[in-house]
PDB file of N, CA and C in Angstrom:
ATOM      1  N   MET A   1      -3.537  59.639  31.864  1.00  0.00           N
ATOM      2  CA  MET A   1      -2.163  59.848  31.539  1.00  0.00           C
ATOM      3  C   MET A   1      -1.417  58.518  31.610  1.00  0.00           C
ATOM      4  N   ALA A   2      -0.665  58.279  30.624  1.00  0.00           N
ATOM      5  CA  ALA A   2       0.048  57.009  30.549  1.00  0.00           C
ATOM      6  C   ALA A   2       1.475  57.187  31.027  1.00  0.00           C
ATOM      7  N   ILE A   3       1.969  56.181  31.692  1.00  0.00           N
ATOM      8  CA  ILE A   3       3.345  56.234  32.175  1.00  0.00           C
ATOM      9  C   ILE A   3       4.203  55.533  31.153  1.00  0.00           C
ATOM     10  N   ARG A   4       5.267  56.204  30.814  1.00  0.00           N
ATOM     11  CA  ARG A   4       6.174  55.644  29.825  1.00  0.00           C
ATOM     12  C   ARG A   4       7.291  54.892  30.506  1.00  0.00           C
ATOM     13  N   LYS A   5       7.601  53.780  29.975  1.00  0.00           N
ATOM     14  CA  LYS A   5       8.727  53.013  30.460  1.00  0.00           C
ATOM     15  C   LYS A   5       9.834  53.124  29.439  1.00  0.00           C
ATOM     16  N   THR A   6      11.047  53.393  29.970  1.00  0.00           N
ATOM     17  CA  THR A   6      12.183  53.480  29.059  1.00  0.00           C
ATOM     18  C   THR A   6      13.149  52.369  29.373  1.00  0.00           C
ATOM     19  N   LYS A   7      13.882  52.021  28.392  1.00  0.00           N
ATOM     20  CA  LYS A   7      14.866  50.987  28.561  1.00  0.00           C
ATOM     21  C   LYS A   7      16.097  51.588  29.223  1.00  0.00           C
ATOM     22  N   THR A   8      16.657  50.917  30.223  1.00  0.00           N
ATOM     23  CA  THR A   8      17.871  51.396  30.880  1.00  0.00           C
ATOM     24  C   THR A   8      19.040  50.559  30.424  1.00  0.00           C
ATOM     25  N   SER A   9      20.166  51.188  30.332  1.00  0.00           N
ATOM     26  CA  SER A   9      21.358  50.449  29.929  1.00  0.00           C
ATOM     27  C   SER A   9      22.109  49.990  31.164  1.00  0.00           C
ATOM     28  N   ALA A  10      23.016  49.063  30.999  1.00  0.00           N
ATOM     29  CA  ALA A  10      23.774  48.510  32.108  1.00  0.00           C
ATOM     30  C   ALA A  10      25.083  49.279  32.291  1.00  0.00           C
ATOM     31  N   VAL A  11      25.010  50.544  32.418  1.00  0.00           N
ATOM     32  CA  VAL A  11      26.199  51.378  32.607  1.00  0.00           C
ATOM     33  C   VAL A  11      26.376  51.626  34.104  1.00  0.00           C
ATOM     34  N   ALA A  12      27.609  51.479  34.573  1.00  0.00           N
ATOM     35  CA  ALA A  12      27.891  51.700  35.993  1.00  0.00           C
ATOM     36  C   ALA A  12      27.741  53.176  36.315  1.00  0.00           C
ATOM     37  N   PRO A  13      27.227  53.482  37.486  1.00  0.00           N
ATOM     38  CA  PRO A  13      27.071  54.891  37.842  1.00  0.00           C
ATOM     39  C   PRO A  13      28.448  55.538  38.039  1.00  0.00           C
ATOM     40  N   ALA A  14      28.509  56.803  37.776  1.00  0.00           N
ATOM     41  CA  ALA A  14      29.775  57.554  37.920  1.00  0.00           C
ATOM     42  C   ALA A  14      30.157  57.618  39.404  1.00  0.00           C
ATOM     43  N   LYS A  15      31.455  57.456  39.662  1.00  0.00           N
ATOM     44  CA  LYS A  15      31.929  57.509  41.047  1.00  0.00           C
ATOM     45  C   LYS A  15      32.216  58.952  41.434  1.00  0.00           C
ATOM     46  N   ALA A  16      31.967  59.228  42.692  1.00  0.00           N
ATOM     47  CA  ALA A  16      32.256  60.569  43.211  1.00  0.00           C
ATOM     48  C   ALA A  16      33.769  60.715  43.342  1.00  0.00           C
ATOM     49  N   PRO A  17      34.307  61.916  43.155  1.00  0.00           N
ATOM     50  CA  PRO A  17      35.745  62.106  43.286  1.00  0.00           C
ATOM     51  C   PRO A  17      36.206  61.801  44.716  1.00  0.00           C
ATOM     52  N   VAL A  18      37.408  61.258  44.806  1.00  0.00           N
ATOM     53  CA  VAL A  18      37.975  60.919  46.106  1.00  0.00           C
ATOM     54  C   VAL A  18      38.455  62.193  46.779  1.00  0.00           C
ATOM     55  N   ALA A  19      38.059  62.373  48.018  1.00  0.00           N
ATOM     56  CA  ALA A  19      38.464  63.577  48.764  1.00  0.00           C
ATOM     57  C   ALA A  19      39.890  63.399  49.274  1.00  0.00           C
ATOM     58  N   THR A  20      40.729  64.396  49.049  1.00  0.00           N
ATOM     59  CA  THR A  20      42.097  64.364  49.558  1.00  0.00           C
ATOM     60  C   THR A  20      42.151  65.171  50.838  1.00  0.00           C
ATOM     61  N   PRO A  21      42.981  64.756  51.787  1.00  0.00           N
ATOM     62  CA  PRO A  21      43.051  65.509  53.039  1.00  0.00           C
ATOM     63  C   PRO A  21      43.611  66.915  52.797  1.00  0.00           C
ATOM     64  N   ALA A  22      43.001  67.872  53.448  1.00  0.00           N
ATOM     65  CA  ALA A  22      43.436  69.257  53.299  1.00  0.00           C
ATOM     66  C   ALA A  22      44.702  69.483  54.106  1.00  0.00           C
ATOM     67  N   ALA A  23      45.570  70.330  53.596  1.00  0.00           N
ATOM     68  CA  ALA A  23      46.810  70.666  54.305  1.00  0.00           C
ATOM     69  C   ALA A  23      46.470  71.460  55.558  1.00  0.00           C
ATOM     70  N   ALA A  24      47.275  71.253  56.595  1.00  0.00           N
ATOM     71  CA  ALA A  24      47.071  71.993  57.843  1.00  0.00           C
ATOM     72  C   ALA A  24      47.319  73.475  57.599  1.00  0.00           C
ATOM     73  N   PRO A  25      46.519  74.330  58.186  1.00  0.00           N
ATOM     74  CA  PRO A  25      46.721  75.766  57.972  1.00  0.00           C
ATOM     75  C   PRO A  25      48.036  76.224  58.604  1.00  0.00           C
ATOM     76  N   THR A  26      48.664  77.179  57.942  1.00  0.00           N
ATOM     77  CA  THR A  26      49.908  77.731  58.448  1.00  0.00           C
ATOM     78  C   THR A  26      49.604  78.631  59.633  1.00  0.00           C
ATOM     79  N   PRO A  27      50.330  78.427  60.773  1.00  0.00           N
ATOM     80  CA  PRO A  27      50.065  79.285  61.929  1.00  0.00           C
ATOM     81  C   PRO A  27      50.431  80.737  61.627  1.00  0.00           C
ATOM     82  N   VAL A  28      49.656  81.615  62.164  1.00  0.00           N
ATOM     83  CA  VAL A  28      49.868  83.039  61.948  1.00  0.00           C
ATOM     84  C   VAL A  28      50.665  83.595  63.123  1.00  0.00           C
ATOM     85  N   ALA A  29      51.720  84.349  62.803  1.00  0.00           N
ATOM     86  CA  ALA A  29      52.510  84.970  63.877  1.00  0.00           C
ATOM     87  C   ALA A  29      51.652  86.022  64.560  1.00  0.00           C
ATOM     88  N   ARG A  30      51.711  86.047  65.862  1.00  0.00           N
ATOM     89  CA  ARG A  30      50.912  87.004  66.621  1.00  0.00           C
ATOM     90  C   ARG A  30      51.822  87.960  67.369  1.00  0.00           C
ATOM     91  N   SER A  31      51.306  89.066  67.714  1.00  0.00           N
ATOM     92  CA  SER A  31      52.070  90.104  68.379  1.00  0.00           C
ATOM     93  C   SER A  31      52.282  89.776  69.848  1.00  0.00           C
ATOM     94  N   GLU A  32      53.527  89.887  70.309  1.00  0.00           N
ATOM     95  CA  GLU A  32      53.795  89.677  71.732  1.00  0.00           C
ATOM     96  C   GLU A  32      53.238  90.811  72.567  1.00  0.00           C
ATOM     97  N   SER A  33      53.163  92.003  71.993  1.00  0.00           N
ATOM     98  CA  SER A  33      52.674  93.146  72.756  1.00  0.00           C
ATOM     99  C   SER A  33      51.196  92.987  73.115  1.00  0.00           C
ATOM    100  N   LYS A  34      50.489  92.182  72.345  1.00  0.00           N
ATOM    101  CA  LYS A  34      49.081  91.956  72.641  1.00  0.00           C
ATOM    102  C   LYS A  34      48.890  90.776  73.572  1.00  0.00           C
ATOM    103  N   GLY A  35      49.984  90.124  73.949  1.00  0.00           N
ATOM    104  CA  GLY A  35      49.898  89.043  74.917  1.00  0.00           C
ATOM    105  C   GLY A  35      49.352  87.744  74.365  1.00  0.00           C
ATOM    106  N   SER A  36      49.651  87.468  73.112  1.00  0.00           N
ATOM    107  CA  SER A  36      49.119  86.249  72.525  1.00  0.00           C
ATOM    108  C   SER A  36      49.807  85.001  73.046  1.00  0.00           C
ATOM    109  N   GLY A  37      51.002  85.161  73.612  1.00  0.00           N
ATOM    110  CA  GLY A  37      51.698  84.023  74.174  1.00  0.00           C
ATOM    111  C   GLY A  37      52.459  83.193  73.169  1.00  0.00           C
ATOM    112  N   THR A  38      52.515  83.609  71.914  1.00  0.00           N
ATOM    113  CA  THR A  38      53.269  82.856  70.922  1.00  0.00           C
ATOM    114  C   THR A  38      54.670  83.413  70.808  1.00  0.00           C
ATOM    115  N   LEU A  39      55.575  82.567  70.345  1.00  0.00           N
ATOM    116  CA  LEU A  39      56.949  83.008  70.162  1.00  0.00           C
ATOM    117  C   LEU A  39      57.097  83.667  68.807  1.00  0.00           C
ATOM    118  N   SER A  40      57.631  84.856  68.787  1.00  0.00           N
ATOM    119  CA  SER A  40      57.953  85.530  67.540  1.00  0.00           C
ATOM    120  C   SER A  40      59.019  86.568  67.834  1.00  0.00           C
ATOM    121  N   GLY A  41      59.774  86.897  66.832  1.00  0.00           N
ATOM    122  CA  GLY A  41      60.814  87.906  67.022  1.00  0.00           C
ATOM    123  C   GLY A  41      61.847  87.478  68.029  1.00  0.00           C
ATOM    124  N   LYS A  42      62.041  88.279  69.077  1.00  0.00           N
ATOM    125  CA  LYS A  42      63.040  87.985  70.106  1.00  0.00           C
ATOM    126  C   LYS A  42      62.659  86.781  70.950  1.00  0.00           C
ATOM    127  N   GLY A  43      61.390  86.438  71.019  1.00  0.00           N
ATOM    128  CA  GLY A  43      60.956  85.314  71.828  1.00  0.00           C
ATOM    129  C   GLY A  43      61.539  83.991  71.370  1.00  0.00           C
ATOM    130  N   ILE A  44      61.758  83.841  70.068  1.00  0.00           N
ATOM    131  CA  ILE A  44      62.321  82.600  69.547  1.00  0.00           C
ATOM    132  C   ILE A  44      63.755  82.447  70.013  1.00  0.00           C
ATOM    133  N   ALA A  45      64.529  83.514  69.958  1.00  0.00           N
ATOM    134  CA  ALA A  45      65.925  83.439  70.371  1.00  0.00           C
ATOM    135  C   ALA A  45      66.043  83.105  71.847  1.00  0.00           C
ATOM    136  N   SER A  46      65.142  83.615  72.665  1.00  0.00           N
ATOM    137  CA  SER A  46      65.229  83.325  74.088  1.00  0.00           C
ATOM    138  C   SER A  46      64.791  81.905  74.407  1.00  0.00           C
ATOM    139  N   ALA A  47      64.054  81.282  73.500  1.00  0.00           N
ATOM    140  CA  ALA A  47      63.624  79.910  73.728  1.00  0.00           C
ATOM    141  C   ALA A  47      64.736  78.908  73.439  1.00  0.00           C
ATOM    142  N   VAL A  48      65.739  79.330  72.676  1.00  0.00           N
ATOM    143  CA  VAL A  48      66.846  78.446  72.343  1.00  0.00           C
ATOM    144  C   VAL A  48      67.856  78.474  73.482  1.00  0.00           C
ATOM    145  N   LYS A  49      68.187  77.297  74.002  1.00  0.00           N
ATOM    146  CA  LYS A  49      69.140  77.195  75.104  1.00  0.00           C
ATOM    147  C   LYS A  49      70.560  77.122  74.545  1.00  0.00           C
ATOM    148  N   VAL A  50      71.386  78.082  74.939  1.00  0.00           N
ATOM    149  CA  VAL A  50      72.786  78.088  74.546  1.00  0.00           C
ATOM    150  C   VAL A  50      73.587  77.593  75.741  1.00  0.00           C
ATOM    151  N   PRO A  51      74.470  76.610  75.531  1.00  0.00           N
ATOM    152  CA  PRO A  51      75.225  76.087  76.664  1.00  0.00           C
ATOM    153  C   PRO A  51      76.132  77.159  77.269  1.00  0.00           C
ATOM    154  N   VAL A  52      76.246  77.111  78.583  1.00  0.00           N
ATOM    155  CA  VAL A  52      77.088  78.054  79.316  1.00  0.00           C
ATOM    156  C   VAL A  52      78.491  77.460  79.377  1.00  0.00           C
ATOM    157  N   THR A  53      79.499  78.259  79.044  1.00  0.00           N
ATOM    158  CA  THR A  53      80.869  77.753  79.027  1.00  0.00           C
ATOM    159  C   THR A  53      81.511  77.840  80.406  1.00  0.00           C
ATOM    160  N   HIS A  54      82.571  77.096  80.566  1.00  0.00           N
ATOM    161  CA  HIS A  54      83.347  77.072  81.805  1.00  0.00           C
ATOM    162  C   HIS A  54      83.893  78.471  82.105  1.00  0.00           C
ATOM    163  N   GLU A  55      84.357  79.152  81.061  1.00  0.00           N
ATOM    164  CA  GLU A  55      84.926  80.499  81.231  1.00  0.00           C
ATOM    165  C   GLU A  55      83.873  81.497  81.698  1.00  0.00           C
ATOM    166  N   GLN A  56      82.663  81.394  81.165  1.00  0.00           N
ATOM    167  CA  GLN A  56      81.590  82.299  81.577  1.00  0.00           C
ATOM    168  C   GLN A  56      81.245  82.094  83.055  1.00  0.00           C
ATOM    169  N   ILE A  57      81.191  80.845  83.469  1.00  0.00           N
ATOM    170  CA  ILE A  57      80.881  80.560  84.873  1.00  0.00           C
ATOM    171  C   ILE A  57      81.994  81.085  85.778  1.00  0.00           C
ATOM    172  N   ALA A  58      83.254  80.868  85.358  1.00  0.00           N
ATOM    173  CA  ALA A  58      84.386  81.336  86.162  1.00  0.00           C
ATOM    174  C   ALA A  58      84.372  82.858  86.296  1.00  0.00           C
ATOM    175  N   GLU A  59      84.088  83.557  85.213  1.00  0.00           N
ATOM    176  CA  GLU A  59      84.042  85.027  85.246  1.00  0.00           C
ATOM    177  C   GLU A  59      82.927  85.511  86.171  1.00  0.00           C
ATOM    178  N   ARG A  60      81.751  84.891  86.054  1.00  0.00           N
ATOM    179  CA  ARG A  60      80.619  85.300  86.899  1.00  0.00           C
ATOM    180  C   ARG A  60      80.885  84.977  88.372  1.00  0.00           C
ATOM    181  N   ALA A  61      81.510  83.844  88.666  1.00  0.00           N
ATOM    182  CA  ALA A  61      81.845  83.498  90.051  1.00  0.00           C
ATOM    183  C   ALA A  61      82.824  84.511  90.624  1.00  0.00           C
ATOM    184  N   TYR A  62      83.764  84.960  89.805  1.00  0.00           N
ATOM    185  CA  TYR A  62      84.716  85.985  90.253  1.00  0.00           C
ATOM    186  C   TYR A  62      84.001  87.304  90.527  1.00  0.00           C
ATOM    187  N   GLN A  63      83.023  87.651  89.681  1.00  0.00           N
ATOM    188  CA  GLN A  63      82.246  88.876  89.907  1.00  0.00           C
ATOM    189  C   GLN A  63      81.473  88.788  91.225  1.00  0.00           C
ATOM    190  N   ILE A  64      80.949  87.613  91.532  1.00  0.00           N
ATOM    191  CA  ILE A  64      80.250  87.424  92.812  1.00  0.00           C
ATOM    192  C   ILE A  64      81.217  87.625  93.970  1.00  0.00           C
ATOM    193  N   TYR A  65      82.441  87.091  93.826  1.00  0.00           N
ATOM    194  CA  TYR A  65      83.485  87.242  94.850  1.00  0.00           C
ATOM    195  C   TYR A  65      83.855  88.718  95.018  1.00  0.00           C
ATOM    196  N   LEU A  66      83.976  89.440  93.907  1.00  0.00           N
ATOM    197  CA  LEU A  66      84.287  90.873  93.977  1.00  0.00           C
ATOM    198  C   LEU A  66      83.158  91.639  94.659  1.00  0.00           C
ATOM    199  N   LYS A  67      81.928  91.293  94.319  1.00  0.00           N
ATOM    200  CA  LYS A  67      80.770  91.976  94.902  1.00  0.00           C
ATOM    201  C   LYS A  67      80.723  91.764  96.413  1.00  0.00           C
ATOM    202  N   ARG A  68      81.210  90.628  96.876  1.00  0.00           N
ATOM    203  CA  ARG A  68      81.261  90.336  98.296  1.00  0.00           C
ATOM    204  C   ARG A  68      82.390  91.121  98.963  1.00  0.00           C
ATOM    205  N   GLY A  69      83.210  91.807  98.193  1.00  0.00           N
ATOM    206  CA  GLY A  69      84.291  92.625  98.728  1.00  0.00           C
ATOM    207  C   GLY A  69      85.502  91.804  99.146  1.00  0.00           C
ATOM    208  N   PHE A  70      85.775  90.742  98.403  1.00  0.00           N
ATOM    209  CA  PHE A  70      86.907  89.852  98.674  1.00  0.00           C
ATOM    210  C   PHE A  70      86.806  89.225 100.057  1.00  0.00           C
ATOM    211  N   GLY A  71      85.629  89.259 100.636  1.00  0.00           N
ATOM    212  CA  GLY A  71      85.438  88.713 101.981  1.00  0.00           C
ATOM    213  C   GLY A  71      85.440  87.193 101.982  1.00  0.00           C
ATOM    214  N   PRO A  72      85.440  86.627 103.169  1.00  0.00           N
ATOM    215  CA  PRO A  72      85.434  85.169 103.260  1.00  0.00           C
ATOM    216  C   PRO A  72      84.146  84.593 102.676  1.00  0.00           C
ATOM    217  N   GLY A  73      84.265  83.447 102.075  1.00  0.00           N
ATOM    218  CA  GLY A  73      83.116  82.775 101.475  1.00  0.00           C
ATOM    219  C   GLY A  73      83.549  81.449 100.904  1.00  0.00           C
ATOM    220  N   ASP A  74      82.658  80.825 100.237  1.00  0.00           N
ATOM    221  CA  ASP A  74      82.918  79.509  99.675  1.00  0.00           C
ATOM    222  C   ASP A  74      82.976  79.611  98.153  1.00  0.00           C
ATOM    223  N   ALA A  75      84.111  79.239  97.569  1.00  0.00           N
ATOM    224  CA  ALA A  75      84.282  79.303  96.122  1.00  0.00           C
ATOM    225  C   ALA A  75      83.294  78.385  95.401  1.00  0.00           C
ATOM    226  N   THR A  76      82.996  77.255  96.015  1.00  0.00           N
ATOM    227  CA  THR A  76      82.057  76.317  95.394  1.00  0.00           C
ATOM    228  C   THR A  76      80.652  76.912  95.337  1.00  0.00           C
ATOM    229  N   SER A  77      80.223  77.551  96.393  1.00  0.00           N
ATOM    230  CA  SER A  77      78.882  78.156  96.372  1.00  0.00           C
ATOM    231  C   SER A  77      78.841  79.339  95.407  1.00  0.00           C
ATOM    232  N   ASP A  78      79.958  80.084  95.278  1.00  0.00           N
ATOM    233  CA  ASP A  78      80.028  81.156  94.275  1.00  0.00           C
ATOM    234  C   ASP A  78      79.881  80.562  92.868  1.00  0.00           C
ATOM    235  N   TRP A  79      80.545  79.436  92.637  1.00  0.00           N
ATOM    236  CA  TRP A  79      80.497  78.768  91.333  1.00  0.00           C
ATOM    237  C   TRP A  79      79.074  78.298  91.017  1.00  0.00           C
ATOM    238  N   VAL A  80      78.441  77.666  91.981  1.00  0.00           N
ATOM    239  CA  VAL A  80      77.084  77.158  91.782  1.00  0.00           C
ATOM    240  C   VAL A  80      76.118  78.312  91.537  1.00  0.00           C
ATOM    241  N   GLU A  81      76.264  79.390  92.284  1.00  0.00           N
ATOM    242  CA  GLU A  81      75.396  80.555  92.091  1.00  0.00           C
ATOM    243  C   GLU A  81      75.630  81.189  90.733  1.00  0.00           C
ATOM    244  N   ALA A  82      76.878  81.281  90.312  1.00  0.00           N
ATOM    245  CA  ALA A  82      77.194  81.850  88.994  1.00  0.00           C
ATOM    246  C   ALA A  82      76.571  80.991  87.889  1.00  0.00           C
ATOM    247  N   GLU A  83      76.685  79.692  88.016  1.00  0.00           N
ATOM    248  CA  GLU A  83      76.111  78.790  87.019  1.00  0.00           C
ATOM    249  C   GLU A  83      74.588  78.916  86.970  1.00  0.00           C
ATOM    250  N   ARG A  84      73.955  79.007  88.143  1.00  0.00           N
ATOM    251  CA  ARG A  84      72.514  79.178  88.212  1.00  0.00           C
ATOM    252  C   ARG A  84      72.062  80.463  87.538  1.00  0.00           C
ATOM    253  N   GLN A  85      72.788  81.561  87.824  1.00  0.00           N
ATOM    254  CA  GLN A  85      72.433  82.856  87.233  1.00  0.00           C
ATOM    255  C   GLN A  85      72.578  82.848  85.720  1.00  0.00           C
ATOM    256  N   LEU A  86      73.661  82.272  85.236  1.00  0.00           N
ATOM    257  CA  LEU A  86      73.881  82.250  83.789  1.00  0.00           C
ATOM    258  C   LEU A  86      72.858  81.381  83.065  1.00  0.00           C
ATOM    259  N   LYS A  87      72.497  80.265  83.643  1.00  0.00           N
ATOM    260  CA  LYS A  87      71.495  79.400  83.019  1.00  0.00           C
ATOM    261  C   LYS A  87      70.101  80.027  83.061  1.00  0.00           C
ATOM    262  N   ALA A  88      69.870  80.879  84.065  1.00  0.00           N
ATOM    263  CA  ALA A  88      68.586  81.568  84.162  1.00  0.00           C
ATOM    264  C   ALA A  88      68.527  82.768  83.224  1.00  0.00           C
ATOM    265  N   GLY A  89      69.678  83.134  82.627  1.00  0.00           N
ATOM    266  CA  GLY A  89      69.702  84.237  81.681  1.00  0.00           C
ATOM    267  C   GLY A  89      69.957  85.580  82.304  1.00  0.00           C
ATOM    268  N   ARG A  90      70.544  85.608  83.455  1.00  0.00           N
ATOM    269  CA  ARG A  90      70.823  86.884  84.117  1.00  0.00           C
ATOM    270  C   ARG A  90      72.164  87.406  83.734  1.00  0.00           C
TER     271      ARG A  90
END
């Protein structure tokens, strides 16, 4: 059997296509009832911090004073406690 030799041309080999980076997958919302730990629905709203106003703190401090039965106490500690409660979302 004879081996045939063929003439080759000086053509550059074809280049492979350039790979483009794939887009990041979109996160899927998960159910809070299943305990996935992701924020969805009401969880997003609770994650947003809304500043507490001076009037809200004053009203809550007064409620603390009323709950104490108008008894002796410290207005400053009532104020600090009211501010703490409001910032904690109570």
